């Protein structure tokens, strides 16, 4: 039995193919769904079109690979958009599959479920339009919080202005309040991109990214370096997808501010994330219900 899971994120669409135990394939397409939203958070027609095309492409690819069951779920950009029905209907018309729009707490739970796989610990997931922290202990979630802020939100609000983004983020992270102390894992495109850049990977290697330790001192050096570079210069960086050049500096800054707030000096990168978590939840694994 093969399963396909498509995550419609605020910055990218990702496909995972799994046999229910092991991840066999993962691929992202950057579509920046949350970019250029209007003052009411409505998704732009161009972003909707790009994203529906990416989802349709992944569904077609999964079917070519003889995937038996395909799930599609969406996170902050879709759940916060007043015009989300337009996007959901277009995906349904294009693929025949319903989109499951998950709330912020569920998003944090799914990320931790995938990354921790029953272990104690916590995840930090900085996405395009939200940022989650979830803590598991004894196989149960004991803390979960999602903030309506992410790398595309930072880009929309402040472009490449570090000073304004810094002030905004320092205020935002206070909303996490009391986060239990534990071992923290970084998941999603922000964390994996940072790991790839710090290792200067010519070709992305999930085995080298998974388990990589991001040290706070290294992260701060990288953050300052990125903010001093032009977008074109960032695109030449080893380890960075050129499509992430606009958002990577904000992602580094966001992670740095969260680490300051949590008073931690390192984060372990996990390749497993809410894609694995979503499939685990659908199949009733790891204690079933949250």
C-alpha atoms as a PDB file:
ATOM      1  CA  UNK A   1       0.000   0.000   0.000  1.00  0.00           C
ATOM      2  CA  UNK A   2       1.413   3.387  -1.004  1.00  0.00           C
ATOM      3  CA  UNK A   3       0.246   6.711   0.404  1.00  0.00           C
ATOM      4  CA  UNK A   4       0.716  10.209  -0.962  1.00  0.00           C
ATOM      5  CA  UNK A   5       0.414  13.223   1.326  1.00  0.00           C
ATOM      6  CA  UNK A   6       0.434  16.794  -0.007  1.00  0.00           C
ATOM      7  CA  UNK A   7       1.045  19.683   2.374  1.00  0.00           C
ATOM      8  CA  UNK A   8      -0.240  23.015   1.068  1.00  0.00           C
ATOM      9  CA  UNK A   9       1.911  25.418   3.049  1.00  0.00           C
ATOM     10  CA  UNK A  10       2.058  29.179   3.026  1.00  0.00           C
ATOM     11  CA  UNK A  11       5.354  29.238   1.126  1.00  0.00           C
ATOM     12  CA  UNK A  12       5.562  25.835  -0.552  1.00  0.00           C
ATOM     13  CA  UNK A  13       3.604  22.775  -1.598  1.00  0.00           C
ATOM     14  CA  UNK A  14       5.213  19.453  -0.700  1.00  0.00           C
ATOM     15  CA  UNK A  15       4.553  15.855  -1.677  1.00  0.00           C
ATOM     16  CA  UNK A  16       5.521  12.830   0.383  1.00  0.00           C
ATOM     17  CA  UNK A  17       5.136   9.244  -0.800  1.00  0.00           C
ATOM     18  CA  UNK A  18       5.250   6.616   1.935  1.00  0.00           C
ATOM     19  CA  UNK A  19       4.527   2.928   2.419  1.00  0.00           C
ATOM     20  CA  UNK A  20       3.041   3.784   5.801  1.00  0.00           C
ATOM     21  CA  UNK A  21       6.318   3.098   7.603  1.00  0.00           C
ATOM     22  CA  UNK A  22       9.140   4.685   5.604  1.00  0.00           C
ATOM     23  CA  UNK A  23       9.218   7.918   3.628  1.00  0.00           C
ATOM     24  CA  UNK A  24      10.096   6.958   0.066  1.00  0.00           C
ATOM     25  CA  UNK A  25       9.983  10.367  -1.633  1.00  0.00           C
ATOM     26  CA  UNK A  26       9.729  14.042  -0.724  1.00  0.00           C
ATOM     27  CA  UNK A  27       9.643  17.035  -3.019  1.00  0.00           C
ATOM     28  CA  UNK A  28       8.774  20.743  -2.523  1.00  0.00           C
ATOM     29  CA  UNK A  29       7.592  23.372  -4.981  1.00  0.00           C
ATOM     30  CA  UNK A  30       7.773  26.979  -3.778  1.00  0.00           C
ATOM     31  CA  UNK A  31       4.511  28.752  -4.695  1.00  0.00           C
ATOM     32  CA  UNK A  32       4.414  31.521  -2.028  1.00  0.00           C
ATOM     33  CA  UNK A  33       0.670  31.133  -1.498  1.00  0.00           C
ATOM     34  CA  UNK A  34       0.674  33.676   1.333  1.00  0.00           C
ATOM     35  CA  UNK A  35       2.497  36.345  -0.683  1.00  0.00           C
ATOM     36  CA  UNK A  36       0.682  39.531  -1.671  1.00  0.00           C
ATOM     37  CA  UNK A  37      -2.435  38.800   0.389  1.00  0.00           C
ATOM     38  CA  UNK A  38      -4.703  41.834   0.665  1.00  0.00           C
ATOM     39  CA  UNK A  39      -5.504  43.734   3.872  1.00  0.00           C
ATOM     40  CA  UNK A  40      -8.129  41.103   4.751  1.00  0.00           C
ATOM     41  CA  UNK A  41      -5.767  38.136   4.175  1.00  0.00           C
ATOM     42  CA  UNK A  42      -7.456  37.110   0.929  1.00  0.00           C
ATOM     43  CA  UNK A  43      -5.172  34.996  -1.248  1.00  0.00           C
ATOM     44  CA  UNK A  44      -4.202  36.545  -4.569  1.00  0.00           C
ATOM     45  CA  UNK A  45      -5.535  34.942  -7.731  1.00  0.00           C
ATOM     46  CA  UNK A  46      -1.991  34.499  -9.066  1.00  0.00           C
ATOM     47  CA  UNK A  47      -0.863  32.694  -5.901  1.00  0.00           C
ATOM     48  CA  UNK A  48      -3.961  30.489  -5.964  1.00  0.00           C
ATOM     49  CA  UNK A  49      -3.295  29.578  -9.618  1.00  0.00           C
ATOM     50  CA  UNK A  50       0.375  28.721  -8.945  1.00  0.00           C
ATOM     51  CA  UNK A  51      -0.509  26.613  -5.957  1.00  0.00           C
ATOM     52  CA  UNK A  52      -3.395  24.715  -7.552  1.00  0.00           C
ATOM     53  CA  UNK A  53      -1.091  23.895 -10.483  1.00  0.00           C
ATOM     54  CA  UNK A  54       1.567  22.578  -8.068  1.00  0.00           C
ATOM     55  CA  UNK A  55      -0.970  20.447  -6.192  1.00  0.00           C
ATOM     56  CA  UNK A  56      -2.355  19.077  -9.463  1.00  0.00           C
ATOM     57  CA  UNK A  57       1.153  18.254 -10.668  1.00  0.00           C
ATOM     58  CA  UNK A  58       1.908  16.336  -7.468  1.00  0.00           C
ATOM     59  CA  UNK A  59      -1.383  14.435  -7.605  1.00  0.00           C
ATOM     60  CA  UNK A  60      -0.641  13.410 -11.207  1.00  0.00           C
ATOM     61  CA  UNK A  61       2.888  12.353 -10.261  1.00  0.00           C
ATOM     62  CA  UNK A  62       1.637  10.337  -7.283  1.00  0.00           C
ATOM     63  CA  UNK A  63      -0.882   8.543  -9.464  1.00  0.00           C
ATOM     64  CA  UNK A  64       1.856   7.761 -11.993  1.00  0.00           C
ATOM     65  CA  UNK A  65       3.780   6.149  -9.123  1.00  0.00           C
ATOM     66  CA  UNK A  66       0.774   3.898  -8.416  1.00  0.00           C
ATOM     67  CA  UNK A  67      -0.014   5.560  -5.075  1.00  0.00           C
ATOM     68  CA  UNK A  68      -3.144   3.970  -3.600  1.00  0.00           C
ATOM     69  CA  UNK A  69      -4.387   6.791  -1.358  1.00  0.00           C
ATOM     70  CA  UNK A  70      -3.717  10.543  -1.622  1.00  0.00           C
ATOM     71  CA  UNK A  71      -4.381  13.071   1.133  1.00  0.00           C
ATOM     72  CA  UNK A  72      -4.162  16.863   0.838  1.00  0.00           C
ATOM     73  CA  UNK A  73      -4.012  19.162   3.847  1.00  0.00           C
ATOM     74  CA  UNK A  74      -3.542  22.926   4.119  1.00  0.00           C
ATOM     75  CA  UNK A  75      -2.221  25.163   6.872  1.00  0.00           C
ATOM     76  CA  UNK A  76      -2.134  28.859   7.820  1.00  0.00           C
ATOM     77  CA  UNK A  77      -2.384  30.629   4.461  1.00  0.00           C
ATOM     78  CA  UNK A  78      -5.563  28.749   3.587  1.00  0.00           C
ATOM     79  CA  UNK A  79      -7.157  28.614   7.041  1.00  0.00           C
ATOM     80  CA  UNK A  80      -6.720  32.385   7.535  1.00  0.00           C
ATOM     81  CA  UNK A  81      -8.025  33.382   4.105  1.00  0.00           C
ATOM     82  CA  UNK A  82     -11.634  34.581   3.757  1.00  0.00           C
ATOM     83  CA  UNK A  83     -11.547  33.345   0.146  1.00  0.00           C
ATOM     84  CA  UNK A  84     -10.232  29.877   1.039  1.00  0.00           C
ATOM     85  CA  UNK A  85     -13.309  28.215  -0.504  1.00  0.00           C
ATOM     86  CA  UNK A  86     -12.146  29.420  -3.932  1.00  0.00           C
ATOM     87  CA  UNK A  87      -8.838  27.598  -3.467  1.00  0.00           C
ATOM     88  CA  UNK A  88     -10.411  24.466  -1.986  1.00  0.00           C
ATOM     89  CA  UNK A  89     -12.985  24.225  -4.788  1.00  0.00           C
ATOM     90  CA  UNK A  90     -10.333  24.650  -7.484  1.00  0.00           C
ATOM     91  CA  UNK A  91      -8.223  21.862  -5.986  1.00  0.00           C
ATOM     92  CA  UNK A  92     -11.284  19.613  -5.798  1.00  0.00           C
ATOM     93  CA  UNK A  93     -12.210  20.392  -9.422  1.00  0.00           C
ATOM     94  CA  UNK A  94      -8.639  19.791 -10.584  1.00  0.00           C
ATOM     95  CA  UNK A  95      -7.835  16.627  -8.602  1.00  0.00           C
ATOM     96  CA  UNK A  96     -11.098  15.193  -7.253  1.00  0.00           C
ATOM     97  CA  UNK A  97      -9.610  15.303  -3.747  1.00  0.00           C
ATOM     98  CA  UNK A  98     -10.902  17.274  -0.760  1.00  0.00           C
ATOM     99  CA  UNK A  99      -8.512  19.601   1.086  1.00  0.00           C
ATOM    100  CA  UNK A 100      -8.323  19.112   4.856  1.00  0.00           C
ATOM    101  CA  UNK A 101      -7.708  22.548   6.418  1.00  0.00           C
ATOM    102  CA  UNK A 102      -5.986  22.010   9.781  1.00  0.00           C
ATOM    103  CA  UNK A 103      -6.073  24.515  12.632  1.00  0.00           C
ATOM    104  CA  UNK A 104      -2.972  25.896  14.351  1.00  0.00           C
ATOM    105  CA  UNK A 105      -2.983  23.521  17.326  1.00  0.00           C
ATOM    106  CA  UNK A 106      -3.438  20.531  15.024  1.00  0.00           C
ATOM    107  CA  UNK A 107      -0.591  21.794  12.865  1.00  0.00           C
ATOM    108  CA  UNK A 108       1.751  21.914  15.858  1.00  0.00           C
ATOM    109  CA  UNK A 109       0.592  18.440  16.923  1.00  0.00           C
ATOM    110  CA  UNK A 110       1.142  16.936  13.466  1.00  0.00           C
ATOM    111  CA  UNK A 111       4.652  18.388  13.216  1.00  0.00           C
ATOM    112  CA  UNK A 112       5.653  16.922  16.563  1.00  0.00           C
ATOM    113  CA  UNK A 113       3.956  13.607  15.803  1.00  0.00           C
ATOM    114  CA  UNK A 114       6.015  13.253  12.632  1.00  0.00           C
ATOM    115  CA  UNK A 115       9.351  14.463  13.941  1.00  0.00           C
ATOM    116  CA  UNK A 116       9.357  12.866  17.379  1.00  0.00           C
ATOM    117  CA  UNK A 117       7.719   9.541  16.467  1.00  0.00           C
ATOM    118  CA  UNK A 118       6.722   8.881  20.074  1.00  0.00           C
ATOM    119  CA  UNK A 119       9.872  10.319  21.693  1.00  0.00           C
ATOM    120  CA  UNK A 120       9.844  13.098  24.285  1.00  0.00           C
ATOM    121  CA  UNK A 121      10.869  16.510  22.986  1.00  0.00           C
ATOM    122  CA  UNK A 122       9.599  19.537  21.105  1.00  0.00           C
ATOM    123  CA  UNK A 123       9.420  20.942  17.606  1.00  0.00           C
ATOM    124  CA  UNK A 124       9.841  24.446  16.224  1.00  0.00           C
ATOM    125  CA  UNK A 125       8.222  24.878  12.820  1.00  0.00           C
ATOM    126  CA  UNK A 126       8.602  28.271  11.126  1.00  0.00           C
ATOM    127  CA  UNK A 127       6.363  28.269   8.091  1.00  0.00           C
ATOM    128  CA  UNK A 128       5.186  30.882   5.651  1.00  0.00           C
ATOM    129  CA  UNK A 129       2.272  32.311   7.633  1.00  0.00           C
ATOM    130  CA  UNK A 130       2.531  30.631  11.027  1.00  0.00           C
ATOM    131  CA  UNK A 131       5.085  29.355  13.507  1.00  0.00           C
ATOM    132  CA  UNK A 132       4.430  26.427  15.809  1.00  0.00           C
ATOM    133  CA  UNK A 133       5.962  25.019  18.951  1.00  0.00           C
ATOM    134  CA  UNK A 134       4.713  21.696  20.310  1.00  0.00           C
ATOM    135  CA  UNK A 135       6.032  19.655  23.235  1.00  0.00           C
ATOM    136  CA  UNK A 136       5.455  15.945  23.765  1.00  0.00           C
ATOM    137  CA  UNK A 137       6.045  14.002  26.967  1.00  0.00           C
ATOM    138  CA  UNK A 138       5.224  10.358  27.525  1.00  0.00           C
ATOM    139  CA  UNK A 139       3.757  10.156  24.037  1.00  0.00           C
ATOM    140  CA  UNK A 140       1.252  12.930  24.735  1.00  0.00           C
ATOM    141  CA  UNK A 141       1.203  16.585  23.727  1.00  0.00           C
ATOM    142  CA  UNK A 142       1.644  18.742  26.830  1.00  0.00           C
ATOM    143  CA  UNK A 143       2.085  22.068  25.036  1.00  0.00           C
ATOM    144  CA  UNK A 144       1.111  23.475  21.648  1.00  0.00           C
ATOM    145  CA  UNK A 145       0.955  27.004  20.284  1.00  0.00           C
ATOM    146  CA  UNK A 146       0.716  28.485  16.784  1.00  0.00           C
ATOM    147  CA  UNK A 147       1.484  32.139  16.037  1.00  0.00           C
ATOM    148  CA  UNK A 148       0.092  33.957  13.001  1.00  0.00           C
ATOM    149  CA  UNK A 149       3.553  34.949  11.801  1.00  0.00           C
ATOM    150  CA  UNK A 150       5.933  33.332   9.344  1.00  0.00           C
ATOM    151  CA  UNK A 151       8.549  34.003   6.702  1.00  0.00           C
ATOM    152  CA  UNK A 152       6.102  35.163   4.026  1.00  0.00           C
ATOM    153  CA  UNK A 153       4.293  37.336   6.568  1.00  0.00           C
ATOM    154  CA  UNK A 154       7.627  38.971   7.436  1.00  0.00           C
ATOM    155  CA  UNK A 155       8.340  39.538   3.750  1.00  0.00           C
ATOM    156  CA  UNK A 156       4.910  41.083   3.165  1.00  0.00           C
ATOM    157  CA  UNK A 157       5.190  43.375   6.184  1.00  0.00           C
ATOM    158  CA  UNK A 158       8.843  44.392   6.246  1.00  0.00           C
ATOM    159  CA  UNK A 159      10.520  43.188   3.036  1.00  0.00           C
ATOM    160  CA  UNK A 160      14.236  42.920   3.999  1.00  0.00           C
ATOM    161  CA  UNK A 161      14.173  45.412   6.898  1.00  0.00           C
ATOM    162  CA  UNK A 162      15.818  43.572   9.785  1.00  0.00           C
ATOM    163  CA  UNK A 163      15.194  46.289  12.388  1.00  0.00           C
ATOM    164  CA  UNK A 164      11.418  46.335  11.910  1.00  0.00           C
ATOM    165  CA  UNK A 165      11.206  42.531  11.675  1.00  0.00           C
ATOM    166  CA  UNK A 166      13.252  42.180  14.869  1.00  0.00           C
ATOM    167  CA  UNK A 167      10.930  44.458  16.843  1.00  0.00           C
ATOM    168  CA  UNK A 168       7.853  42.628  15.544  1.00  0.00           C
ATOM    169  CA  UNK A 169       9.263  39.164  16.305  1.00  0.00           C
ATOM    170  CA  UNK A 170      10.386  40.028  19.829  1.00  0.00           C
ATOM    171  CA  UNK A 171       6.821  41.041  20.617  1.00  0.00           C
ATOM    172  CA  UNK A 172       5.261  38.046  18.845  1.00  0.00           C
ATOM    173  CA  UNK A 173       7.280  35.343  20.621  1.00  0.00           C
ATOM    174  CA  UNK A 174       5.992  36.544  23.999  1.00  0.00           C
ATOM    175  CA  UNK A 175       2.734  34.838  23.021  1.00  0.00           C
ATOM    176  CA  UNK A 176       4.373  31.444  23.421  1.00  0.00           C
ATOM    177  CA  UNK A 177       4.382  32.145  27.177  1.00  0.00           C
ATOM    178  CA  UNK A 178       5.608  29.203  29.288  1.00  0.00           C
ATOM    179  CA  UNK A 179       7.122  26.535  27.074  1.00  0.00           C
ATOM    180  CA  UNK A 180       8.330  23.405  28.914  1.00  0.00           C
ATOM    181  CA  UNK A 181      12.088  22.815  28.849  1.00  0.00           C
ATOM    182  CA  UNK A 182      13.148  19.862  26.699  1.00  0.00           C
ATOM    183  CA  UNK A 183      15.148  18.936  23.585  1.00  0.00           C
ATOM    184  CA  UNK A 184      14.094  21.021  20.583  1.00  0.00           C
ATOM    185  CA  UNK A 185      13.932  19.922  16.952  1.00  0.00           C
ATOM    186  CA  UNK A 186      13.617  22.252  13.972  1.00  0.00           C
ATOM    187  CA  UNK A 187      11.314  21.068  11.181  1.00  0.00           C
ATOM    188  CA  UNK A 188      10.138  22.420   7.835  1.00  0.00           C
ATOM    189  CA  UNK A 189      11.818  24.362   5.059  1.00  0.00           C
ATOM    190  CA  UNK A 190      13.334  27.084   7.228  1.00  0.00           C
ATOM    191  CA  UNK A 191      15.243  24.657   9.444  1.00  0.00           C
ATOM    192  CA  UNK A 192      16.313  22.319   6.638  1.00  0.00           C
ATOM    193  CA  UNK A 193      17.463  25.264   4.487  1.00  0.00           C
ATOM    194  CA  UNK A 194      19.584  26.632   7.330  1.00  0.00           C
ATOM    195  CA  UNK A 195      21.171  23.197   7.818  1.00  0.00           C
ATOM    196  CA  UNK A 196      21.940  22.921   4.093  1.00  0.00           C
ATOM    197  CA  UNK A 197      23.449  26.434   3.956  1.00  0.00           C
ATOM    198  CA  UNK A 198      25.613  25.902   7.039  1.00  0.00           C
ATOM    199  CA  UNK A 199      26.967  22.720   5.452  1.00  0.00           C
ATOM    200  CA  UNK A 200      27.319  24.414   2.033  1.00  0.00           C
ATOM    201  CA  UNK A 201      25.664  21.478   0.318  1.00  0.00           C
ATOM    202  CA  UNK A 202      26.091  21.576  -3.459  1.00  0.00           C
ATOM    203  CA  UNK A 203      23.236  19.090  -3.757  1.00  0.00           C
ATOM    204  CA  UNK A 204      20.586  18.743  -1.068  1.00  0.00           C
ATOM    205  CA  UNK A 205      21.209  15.586   0.948  1.00  0.00           C
ATOM    206  CA  UNK A 206      18.474  14.646   3.420  1.00  0.00           C
ATOM    207  CA  UNK A 207      20.840  12.296   5.256  1.00  0.00           C
ATOM    208  CA  UNK A 208      23.217  15.175   5.972  1.00  0.00           C
ATOM    209  CA  UNK A 209      20.393  17.532   6.931  1.00  0.00           C
ATOM    210  CA  UNK A 210      18.548  15.143   9.242  1.00  0.00           C
ATOM    211  CA  UNK A 211      20.109  15.301  12.701  1.00  0.00           C
ATOM    212  CA  UNK A 212      22.238  18.361  11.906  1.00  0.00           C
ATOM    213  CA  UNK A 213      22.657  20.632  14.925  1.00  0.00           C
ATOM    214  CA  UNK A 214      22.059  24.367  14.388  1.00  0.00           C
ATOM    215  CA  UNK A 215      24.090  26.242  16.991  1.00  0.00           C
ATOM    216  CA  UNK A 216      22.801  29.654  18.048  1.00  0.00           C
ATOM    217  CA  UNK A 217      26.156  31.363  17.468  1.00  0.00           C
ATOM    218  CA  UNK A 218      26.366  29.982  13.913  1.00  0.00           C
ATOM    219  CA  UNK A 219      22.773  30.990  13.256  1.00  0.00           C
ATOM    220  CA  UNK A 220      23.366  34.581  14.328  1.00  0.00           C
ATOM    221  CA  UNK A 221      26.425  34.874  12.081  1.00  0.00           C
ATOM    222  CA  UNK A 222      24.421  33.502   9.157  1.00  0.00           C
ATOM    223  CA  UNK A 223      21.493  35.839   9.871  1.00  0.00           C
ATOM    224  CA  UNK A 224      23.713  38.923   9.780  1.00  0.00           C
ATOM    225  CA  UNK A 225      25.422  37.671   6.631  1.00  0.00           C
ATOM    226  CA  UNK A 226      22.111  37.112   4.824  1.00  0.00           C
ATOM    227  CA  UNK A 227      20.765  40.559   5.702  1.00  0.00           C
ATOM    228  CA  UNK A 228      23.972  42.105   4.322  1.00  0.00           C
ATOM    229  CA  UNK A 229      23.546  40.320   0.968  1.00  0.00           C
ATOM    230  CA  UNK A 230      21.436  41.214  -2.034  1.00  0.00           C
ATOM    231  CA  UNK A 231      18.735  38.799  -3.187  1.00  0.00           C
ATOM    232  CA  UNK A 232      20.871  37.852  -6.199  1.00  0.00           C
ATOM    233  CA  UNK A 233      23.843  37.127  -3.929  1.00  0.00           C
ATOM    234  CA  UNK A 234      21.684  34.906  -1.730  1.00  0.00           C
ATOM    235  CA  UNK A 235      20.589  32.926  -4.779  1.00  0.00           C
ATOM    236  CA  UNK A 236      24.212  31.895  -5.301  1.00  0.00           C
ATOM    237  CA  UNK A 237      24.570  30.452  -1.793  1.00  0.00           C
ATOM    238  CA  UNK A 238      25.363  26.760  -1.655  1.00  0.00           C
ATOM    239  CA  UNK A 239      22.552  24.877   0.038  1.00  0.00           C
ATOM    240  CA  UNK A 240      19.800  27.424  -0.621  1.00  0.00           C
ATOM    241  CA  UNK A 241      16.951  26.942  -3.079  1.00  0.00           C
ATOM    242  CA  UNK A 242      16.993  30.173  -5.142  1.00  0.00           C
ATOM    243  CA  UNK A 243      13.210  30.433  -4.622  1.00  0.00           C
ATOM    244  CA  UNK A 244      13.834  30.907  -0.892  1.00  0.00           C
ATOM    245  CA  UNK A 245      16.219  33.842  -1.323  1.00  0.00           C
ATOM    246  CA  UNK A 246      13.519  36.398  -0.452  1.00  0.00           C
ATOM    247  CA  UNK A 247      12.488  34.715   2.797  1.00  0.00           C
ATOM    248  CA  UNK A 248      15.550  32.965   4.208  1.00  0.00           C
ATOM    249  CA  UNK A 249      16.930  35.943   6.162  1.00  0.00           C
ATOM    250  CA  UNK A 250      13.611  36.421   7.932  1.00  0.00           C
ATOM    251  CA  UNK A 251      13.473  32.707   8.671  1.00  0.00           C
ATOM    252  CA  UNK A 252      16.920  32.776  10.271  1.00  0.00           C
ATOM    253  CA  UNK A 253      16.005  35.835  12.332  1.00  0.00           C
ATOM    254  CA  UNK A 254      12.746  34.243  13.465  1.00  0.00           C
ATOM    255  CA  UNK A 255      14.485  31.049  14.609  1.00  0.00           C
ATOM    256  CA  UNK A 256      17.137  33.080  16.411  1.00  0.00           C
ATOM    257  CA  UNK A 257      14.517  35.092  18.310  1.00  0.00           C
ATOM    258  CA  UNK A 258      12.649  31.920  19.296  1.00  0.00           C
ATOM    259  CA  UNK A 259      15.884  30.355  20.555  1.00  0.00           C
ATOM    260  CA  UNK A 260      16.590  33.496  22.585  1.00  0.00           C
ATOM    261  CA  UNK A 261      13.106  33.323  24.061  1.00  0.00           C
ATOM    262  CA  UNK A 262      13.450  29.620  24.915  1.00  0.00           C
ATOM    263  CA  UNK A 263      16.989  30.187  26.232  1.00  0.00           C
ATOM    264  CA  UNK A 264      18.438  27.367  24.139  1.00  0.00           C
ATOM    265  CA  UNK A 265      21.745  27.287  22.262  1.00  0.00           C
ATOM    266  CA  UNK A 266      20.989  24.535  19.752  1.00  0.00           C
ATOM    267  CA  UNK A 267      18.232  22.977  17.662  1.00  0.00           C
ATOM    268  CA  UNK A 268      18.412  19.526  16.039  1.00  0.00           C
ATOM    269  CA  UNK A 269      17.061  19.467  12.480  1.00  0.00           C
ATOM    270  CA  UNK A 270      14.539  16.770  11.583  1.00  0.00           C
ATOM    271  CA  UNK A 271      13.660  15.794   8.024  1.00  0.00           C
ATOM    272  CA  UNK A 272      10.467  14.225   9.337  1.00  0.00           C
ATOM    273  CA  UNK A 273       7.674  16.716   9.974  1.00  0.00           C
ATOM    274  CA  UNK A 274       3.947  17.255   9.575  1.00  0.00           C
ATOM    275  CA  UNK A 275       3.825  15.186   6.370  1.00  0.00           C
ATOM    276  CA  UNK A 276       4.790  12.069   8.318  1.00  0.00           C
ATOM    277  CA  UNK A 277       2.670  13.279  11.224  1.00  0.00           C
ATOM    278  CA  UNK A 278      -0.422  13.710   9.074  1.00  0.00           C
ATOM    279  CA  UNK A 279      -0.113  10.206   7.651  1.00  0.00           C
ATOM    280  CA  UNK A 280       0.512   8.738  11.107  1.00  0.00           C
ATOM    281  CA  UNK A 281      -2.624  10.463  12.406  1.00  0.00           C
ATOM    282  CA  UNK A 282      -4.718   9.303   9.451  1.00  0.00           C
ATOM    283  CA  UNK A 283      -3.554   5.739   9.975  1.00  0.00           C
ATOM    284  CA  UNK A 284      -4.217   5.945  13.714  1.00  0.00           C
ATOM    285  CA  UNK A 285      -0.609   5.565  14.827  1.00  0.00           C
ATOM    286  CA  UNK A 286       1.233   6.808  17.945  1.00  0.00           C
ATOM    287  CA  UNK A 287      -1.616   6.592  20.461  1.00  0.00           C
ATOM    288  CA  UNK A 288      -4.248   7.450  17.869  1.00  0.00           C
ATOM    289  CA  UNK A 289      -6.119  10.633  18.795  1.00  0.00           C
ATOM    290  CA  UNK A 290      -4.339  13.704  20.073  1.00  0.00           C
END
